[in-house]
Amino acid sequence: MKKKFALLALCFMCAGLISCGTETENAEVPQSTSGSAAETVQTSESTDAAQTAAVTTEQAEAAQPDTTEEASAEQSEAKAEALTEEQALNAVKNYCFTQNPDLKSKAESAEYNVYWDVTTNDANEIVVLFRSYTGAQIRYYIDPVSGAAYTTELVPGIIDEEQRTEESLNVRDYLT
């Protein structure tokens, strides 16, 4: 009975180690010091399972610091390369002027109500709103790291909901 209990406890311990495999803390398993020698004797199967679990845990802990360091380096590089709202706004303006060469004169004219606005949404995307001289509101959703963007369009009075268009671009191609 005691051997079955020890085997059951070992199984729960292994399951606990597997589920906590992503943690970097060293978790020590407390061992019972009281009781007879029969309680501490384990079968060869449970010993093999404990050794396998210990080796797996050691391998996971040894590999974890490298992964953490690499992830930190990638995050540092991504932050250094991430677009700012101002860069994204200028890139979208350049894109709009490339697509419609007459737009620049219309944007500078007081006759047309053309403007751009930039914000960052909850998904950490940079959102540039372009209000066209036609009244259409085109939003460019930009990934600040990759520069990939997709657009949506809303035309008040005609289209009541923002609809995604087939237009996509990489704003990094339009940085000056």
Protein backbone atom coordinates (compact mmCIF):
# COMPACT_ATOMS: atom_id res chain seq x y z
CA MET A 1 0.00 0.00 0.00
CA LYS A 2 2.80 2.38 0.88
CA LYS A 3 4.52 1.64 -2.44
CA LYS A 4 1.33 2.49 -4.32
CA PHE A 5 1.00 5.72 -2.37
CA ALA A 6 4.63 6.63 -3.13
CA LEU A 7 4.10 5.85 -6.82
CA LEU A 8 0.91 7.94 -6.90
CA ALA A 9 2.69 10.85 -5.18
CA LEU A 10 5.53 10.57 -7.71
CA CYS A 11 3.07 10.69 -10.62
CA PHE A 12 1.49 13.85 -9.23
CA MET A 13 4.94 15.35 -8.75
CA CYS A 14 5.89 14.58 -12.37
CA ALA A 15 2.64 16.07 -13.64
CA GLY A 16 3.33 19.18 -11.56
CA LEU A 17 6.84 19.49 -12.98
CA ILE A 18 5.59 19.13 -16.53
CA SER A 19 2.89 21.76 -16.07
CA CYS A 20 5.40 24.19 -14.57
CA GLY A 21 8.05 23.49 -17.21
CA THR A 22 8.02 27.07 -18.50
CA GLU A 23 8.88 28.65 -15.15
CA THR A 24 12.50 29.58 -14.52
CA GLU A 25 12.40 29.08 -10.75
CA ASN A 26 14.14 26.11 -9.19
CA ALA A 27 11.38 24.17 -7.49
CA GLU A 28 12.69 21.79 -4.87
CA VAL A 29 10.54 18.83 -4.01
CA PRO A 30 10.31 18.34 -0.25
CA GLN A 31 11.15 14.84 0.87
CA SER A 32 9.67 13.17 3.89
CA THR A 33 12.23 12.55 6.64
CA SER A 34 9.94 10.70 8.99
CA GLY A 35 8.84 7.10 8.65
CA SER A 36 10.46 3.79 8.10
CA ALA A 37 12.92 2.75 5.43
CA ALA A 38 10.11 1.00 3.57
CA GLU A 39 8.48 4.38 2.81
CA THR A 40 11.58 5.72 1.09
CA VAL A 41 12.22 2.63 -1.01
CA GLN A 42 10.90 3.05 -4.54
CA THR A 43 10.44 0.55 -7.29
CA SER A 44 12.78 0.65 -10.27
CA GLU A 45 9.93 1.98 -12.42
CA SER A 46 9.33 4.99 -10.18
CA THR A 47 13.07 5.62 -9.89
CA ASP A 48 13.39 5.64 -13.68
CA ALA A 49 10.41 7.98 -13.94
CA ALA A 50 11.89 10.32 -11.33
CA GLN A 51 15.27 10.34 -13.12
CA THR A 52 13.56 11.05 -16.44
CA ALA A 53 11.55 13.88 -14.88
CA ALA A 54 14.69 15.32 -13.26
CA VAL A 55 16.63 15.18 -16.54
CA THR A 56 13.72 16.78 -18.43
CA THR A 57 13.46 19.54 -15.81
CA GLU A 58 17.22 20.17 -15.91
CA GLN A 59 17.14 20.36 -19.72
CA ALA A 60 14.22 22.78 -19.66
CA GLU A 61 15.91 24.98 -17.07
CA ALA A 62 19.20 24.92 -18.99
CA ALA A 63 17.45 25.93 -22.21
CA GLN A 64 15.28 28.62 -20.62
CA PRO A 65 17.93 31.34 -20.03
CA ASP A 66 19.04 31.18 -23.68
CA THR A 67 15.46 31.57 -24.86
CA THR A 68 14.86 34.47 -22.47
CA GLU A 69 18.03 36.23 -23.58
CA GLU A 70 17.15 35.75 -27.26
CA ALA A 71 13.61 37.03 -26.68
CA SER A 72 14.95 40.07 -24.83
CA ALA A 73 17.37 40.80 -27.67
CA GLU A 74 14.58 40.46 -30.25
CA GLN A 75 12.30 42.76 -28.22
CA SER A 76 15.08 45.35 -27.91
CA GLU A 77 15.68 45.25 -31.67
CA ALA A 78 11.94 45.46 -32.35
CA LYS A 79 11.56 48.49 -30.10
CA ALA A 80 14.52 50.15 -31.80
CA GLU A 81 13.02 49.47 -35.24
CA ALA A 82 9.35 50.12 -34.40
CA LEU A 83 7.71 52.92 -36.32
CA THR A 84 6.63 56.02 -34.46
CA GLU A 85 3.22 57.58 -35.01
CA GLU A 86 4.88 60.49 -36.81
CA GLN A 87 6.79 58.19 -39.17
CA ALA A 88 3.63 56.22 -39.91
CA LEU A 89 1.68 59.42 -40.59
CA ASN A 90 4.32 60.74 -42.99
CA ALA A 91 4.55 57.38 -44.77
CA VAL A 92 0.75 57.25 -45.26
CA LYS A 93 0.75 60.81 -46.59
CA ASN A 94 3.51 59.89 -49.05
CA TYR A 95 1.53 56.82 -50.10
CA CYS A 96 -1.64 58.88 -50.64
CA PHE A 97 0.26 61.46 -52.68
CA THR A 98 1.82 58.68 -54.77
CA GLN A 99 -1.59 57.12 -55.45
CA ASN A 100 -3.25 60.46 -56.24
CA PRO A 101 -0.81 63.18 -57.41
CA ASP A 102 -3.56 65.87 -57.39
CA LEU A 103 -4.22 65.24 -53.70
CA LYS A 104 -1.34 67.40 -52.51
CA SER A 105 -2.80 70.54 -54.06
CA LYS A 106 -6.26 69.66 -52.72
CA ALA A 107 -4.86 69.09 -49.22
CA GLU A 108 -3.13 72.48 -49.27
CA SER A 109 -6.27 74.22 -50.60
CA ALA A 110 -8.81 75.62 -48.15
CA GLU A 111 -11.51 74.60 -50.61
CA TYR A 112 -11.35 70.90 -49.66
CA ASN A 113 -11.71 69.33 -46.22
CA VAL A 114 -8.77 66.89 -46.32
CA TYR A 115 -6.89 65.81 -43.21
CA TRP A 116 -4.93 63.02 -41.54
CA ASP A 117 -5.05 61.96 -37.90
CA VAL A 118 -2.93 59.36 -36.11
CA THR A 119 -3.54 57.30 -32.95
CA THR A 120 -2.53 53.97 -31.44
CA ASN A 121 -5.29 51.45 -30.70
CA ASP A 122 -5.59 48.82 -27.96
CA ALA A 123 -3.99 46.17 -30.20
CA ASN A 124 -0.84 48.36 -30.34
CA GLU A 125 -1.43 49.14 -34.01
CA ILE A 126 -0.84 52.62 -35.33
CA VAL A 127 -4.06 53.86 -36.94
CA VAL A 128 -3.87 56.68 -39.46
CA LEU A 129 -7.20 58.21 -40.44
CA PHE A 130 -7.31 59.89 -43.85
CA ARG A 131 -10.36 62.01 -44.51
CA SER A 132 -10.60 62.38 -48.28
CA TYR A 133 -11.99 65.38 -50.11
CA THR A 134 -14.86 63.08 -51.15
CA GLY A 135 -15.87 62.59 -47.51
CA ALA A 136 -14.61 59.00 -47.30
CA GLN A 137 -12.75 58.06 -44.14
CA ILE A 138 -9.93 55.62 -44.84
CA ARG A 139 -8.08 54.11 -41.91
CA TYR A 140 -4.65 52.53 -42.26
CA TYR A 141 -3.95 49.93 -39.55
CA ILE A 142 -0.18 49.62 -39.29
CA ASP A 143 1.95 47.08 -37.46
CA PRO A 144 4.68 49.30 -35.96
CA VAL A 145 7.36 46.61 -36.17
CA SER A 146 6.87 45.18 -39.66
CA GLY A 147 5.22 48.21 -41.27
CA ALA A 148 2.54 46.01 -42.82
CA ALA A 149 -0.76 47.84 -43.19
CA TYR A 150 -4.31 47.15 -44.26
CA THR A 151 -7.08 49.64 -44.88
CA THR A 152 -10.72 50.09 -44.03
CA GLU A 153 -13.19 52.54 -45.48
CA LEU A 154 -16.19 54.35 -44.04
CA VAL A 155 -18.35 56.70 -46.08
CA PRO A 156 -20.85 58.42 -43.76
CA GLY A 157 -24.36 58.35 -45.19
CA ILE A 158 -23.48 55.64 -47.74
CA ILE A 159 -21.61 52.93 -45.82
CA ASP A 160 -22.64 52.94 -42.17
CA GLU A 161 -19.96 50.52 -40.95
CA GLU A 162 -16.23 50.48 -41.41
CA GLN A 163 -15.39 47.87 -44.08
CA ARG A 164 -12.03 46.35 -44.80
CA THR A 165 -10.77 46.91 -48.33
CA GLU A 166 -8.44 44.80 -50.45
CA GLU A 167 -5.76 47.48 -50.28
CA SER A 168 -2.65 46.58 -48.32
CA LEU A 169 0.86 47.98 -48.26
CA ASN A 170 4.04 48.22 -46.28
CA VAL A 171 4.46 51.77 -45.04
CA ARG A 172 8.21 51.29 -44.69
CA ASP A 173 8.34 51.55 -48.49
CA TYR A 174 7.05 55.13 -48.23
CA LEU A 175 9.30 56.47 -45.46
CA THR A 176 11.45 59.41 -46.49
